Amino acid sequence: MVFKKQNCAATILEYVLIASTIVIVCITGFRNIGNGYNSIYVNISQAI
């Protein structure tokens, strides 16, 4: 009897790991960009 190899679960797990990594990178990047803009606006408001 020959069994067909099931690797669908492994493929789904890989896609989930890739997607979660991308989300974490995006959130970190957006937070850093937001902090940069915040410091710019604080500097401008203190100069006025």
N, C-alpha and C. Protein backbone atom coordinates (compact mmCIF):
# COMPACT_ATOMS: atom_id res chain seq x y z
N MET A 1 0.84 -1.17 0.00
CA MET A 1 0.00 0.00 0.00
C MET A 1 0.89 1.24 0.00
N VAL A 2 0.64 2.15 -0.92
CA VAL A 2 1.43 3.38 -1.03
C VAL A 2 0.57 4.54 -0.54
N PHE A 3 1.14 5.31 0.39
CA PHE A 3 0.44 6.47 0.92
C PHE A 3 0.93 7.74 0.23
N LYS A 4 -0.02 8.61 -0.07
CA LYS A 4 0.34 9.88 -0.67
C LYS A 4 0.84 10.81 0.43
N LYS A 5 1.94 11.47 0.18
CA LYS A 5 2.53 12.36 1.18
C LYS A 5 1.66 13.61 1.32
N GLN A 6 1.29 13.90 2.55
CA GLN A 6 0.46 15.08 2.84
C GLN A 6 1.37 16.18 3.39
N ASN A 7 1.53 17.25 2.65
CA ASN A 7 2.34 18.36 3.14
C ASN A 7 1.56 19.67 3.09
N CYS A 8 0.25 19.58 3.04
CA CYS A 8 -0.58 20.78 2.99
C CYS A 8 -0.46 21.58 4.28
N ALA A 9 -0.42 20.89 5.41
CA ALA A 9 -0.31 21.57 6.70
C ALA A 9 1.02 22.30 6.81
N ALA A 10 2.07 21.71 6.31
CA ALA A 10 3.38 22.36 6.35
C ALA A 10 3.38 23.61 5.47
N THR A 11 2.74 23.55 4.34
CA THR A 11 2.66 24.71 3.44
C THR A 11 1.88 25.83 4.09
N ILE A 12 0.77 25.51 4.72
CA ILE A 12 -0.04 26.53 5.39
C ILE A 12 0.76 27.15 6.53
N LEU A 13 1.47 26.34 7.28
CA LEU A 13 2.29 26.85 8.38
C LEU A 13 3.37 27.78 7.87
N GLU A 14 3.98 27.45 6.76
CA GLU A 14 5.01 28.31 6.19
C GLU A 14 4.42 29.65 5.76
N TYR A 15 3.25 29.64 5.14
CA TYR A 15 2.61 30.89 4.74
C TYR A 15 2.25 31.74 5.95
N VAL A 16 1.79 31.11 7.01
CA VAL A 16 1.45 31.85 8.23
C VAL A 16 2.69 32.48 8.85
N LEU A 17 3.78 31.75 8.88
CA LEU A 17 5.02 32.29 9.43
C LEU A 17 5.54 33.46 8.59
N ILE A 18 5.48 33.33 7.28
CA ILE A 18 5.92 34.41 6.40
C ILE A 18 5.04 35.65 6.59
N ALA A 19 3.73 35.45 6.63
CA ALA A 19 2.81 36.57 6.79
C ALA A 19 3.01 37.25 8.14
N SER A 20 3.20 36.49 9.20
CA SER A 20 3.39 37.10 10.51
C SER A 20 4.70 37.87 10.58
N THR A 21 5.73 37.37 9.93
CA THR A 21 7.00 38.10 9.89
C THR A 21 6.84 39.42 9.15
N ILE A 22 6.13 39.42 8.04
CA ILE A 22 5.90 40.64 7.28
C ILE A 22 5.11 41.64 8.11
N VAL A 23 4.10 41.17 8.83
CA VAL A 23 3.29 42.06 9.67
C VAL A 23 4.13 42.68 10.77
N ILE A 24 4.98 41.90 11.41
CA ILE A 24 5.83 42.42 12.48
C ILE A 24 6.79 43.47 11.94
N VAL A 25 7.38 43.22 10.78
CA VAL A 25 8.29 44.19 10.17
C VAL A 25 7.55 45.48 9.82
N CYS A 26 6.35 45.37 9.28
CA CYS A 26 5.57 46.56 8.92
C CYS A 26 5.20 47.37 10.15
N ILE A 27 4.75 46.71 11.20
CA ILE A 27 4.38 47.43 12.42
C ILE A 27 5.59 48.15 13.01
N THR A 28 6.72 47.49 13.05
CA THR A 28 7.94 48.12 13.56
C THR A 28 8.34 49.32 12.72
N GLY A 29 8.27 49.18 11.42
CA GLY A 29 8.61 50.29 10.53
C GLY A 29 7.67 51.47 10.68
N PHE A 30 6.36 51.20 10.76
CA PHE A 30 5.40 52.28 10.92
C PHE A 30 5.58 52.99 12.25
N ARG A 31 5.91 52.25 13.29
CA ARG A 31 6.14 52.89 14.60
C ARG A 31 7.36 53.79 14.53
N ASN A 32 8.42 53.34 13.87
CA ASN A 32 9.62 54.17 13.76
C ASN A 32 9.36 55.41 12.94
N ILE A 33 8.61 55.28 11.87
CA ILE A 33 8.26 56.44 11.05
C ILE A 33 7.40 57.41 11.85
N GLY A 34 6.44 56.89 12.61
CA GLY A 34 5.59 57.73 13.45
C GLY A 34 6.38 58.48 14.50
N ASN A 35 7.32 57.81 15.13
CA ASN A 35 8.16 58.48 16.12
C ASN A 35 9.00 59.58 15.49
N GLY A 36 9.47 59.36 14.28
CA GLY A 36 10.24 60.37 13.58
C GLY A 36 9.41 61.60 13.26
N TYR A 37 8.18 61.40 12.77
CA TYR A 37 7.30 62.52 12.49
C TYR A 37 6.91 63.25 13.77
N ASN A 38 6.71 62.51 14.83
CA ASN A 38 6.35 63.13 16.10
C ASN A 38 7.45 64.07 16.57
N SER A 39 8.69 63.66 16.48
CA SER A 39 9.79 64.51 16.92
C SER A 39 9.92 65.75 16.04
N ILE A 40 9.62 65.61 14.76
CA ILE A 40 9.65 66.78 13.86
C ILE A 40 8.60 67.80 14.29
N TYR A 41 7.38 67.33 14.57
CA TYR A 41 6.31 68.24 14.96
C TYR A 41 6.57 68.87 16.33
N VAL A 42 7.19 68.13 17.23
CA VAL A 42 7.53 68.69 18.54
C VAL A 42 8.57 69.78 18.38
N ASN A 43 9.57 69.55 17.54
CA ASN A 43 10.59 70.57 17.31
C ASN A 43 10.00 71.82 16.69
N ILE A 44 9.09 71.66 15.76
CA ILE A 44 8.45 72.80 15.10
C ILE A 44 7.60 73.57 16.11
N SER A 45 6.83 72.85 16.93
CA SER A 45 5.96 73.53 17.89
C SER A 45 6.78 74.25 18.96
N GLN A 46 7.94 73.73 19.33
CA GLN A 46 8.78 74.41 20.31
C GLN A 46 9.45 75.62 19.71
N ALA A 47 9.69 75.62 18.40
CA ALA A 47 10.34 76.75 17.75
C ALA A 47 9.39 77.93 17.56
N ILE A 48 8.09 77.64 17.55
CA ILE A 48 7.11 78.71 17.31
C ILE A 48 6.88 79.53 18.55
